[in-house]
C-alpha cells in the first residue's frame, strides 16, 4: 500500500513574476527560501515557506497559456489556508487591496470560510481553524 506522509509543495505558474512574488510575500506573508533564475528556460523559480514550512514553488515562464481557474473549473479547485479568524484575515487582505467574497459558513463543519484570488485569478480560500 502506498504510504504518503504529507503534501510536499504546490507549484504555481504565474503570468507576472514580480506581481505574484509581491502578492505571496507582502500580502499573504510567505517567506522566501530560495530564488533561482534558470537561464535555459528563461524562468524564475521562487521557493516560498509559510511558518517555516516549505509550501509553494512559484514559477515564471515566457508566455504561459491561460487556464480556467474558477472554483468550479476542472482541475485544481482551490488552495485553502487555515486561519484562526476568517473575519480578521479577510480584513487584513482588504487592507492590502485584496477583496474576498462574503464570508460563508460550511454547512457540514460549521466553520467560516471565504474565497479570494491571486494576481492570476487562482482561487484561494481562507478557512477557519
Foldseek 3Di string as FASTA:
>chain_A
DDDDDDDQEEEEEDADVVQLVCCCCVQVNWDWPDWDQDVVQRKIWTFTHDPPGTYYIYMYGPDDDADDADLPDPDDNAAEDEDQDAVVSQVSNVVVVWHWDPWDADPVPRWIKIWTAGPSRHIYMYIHD
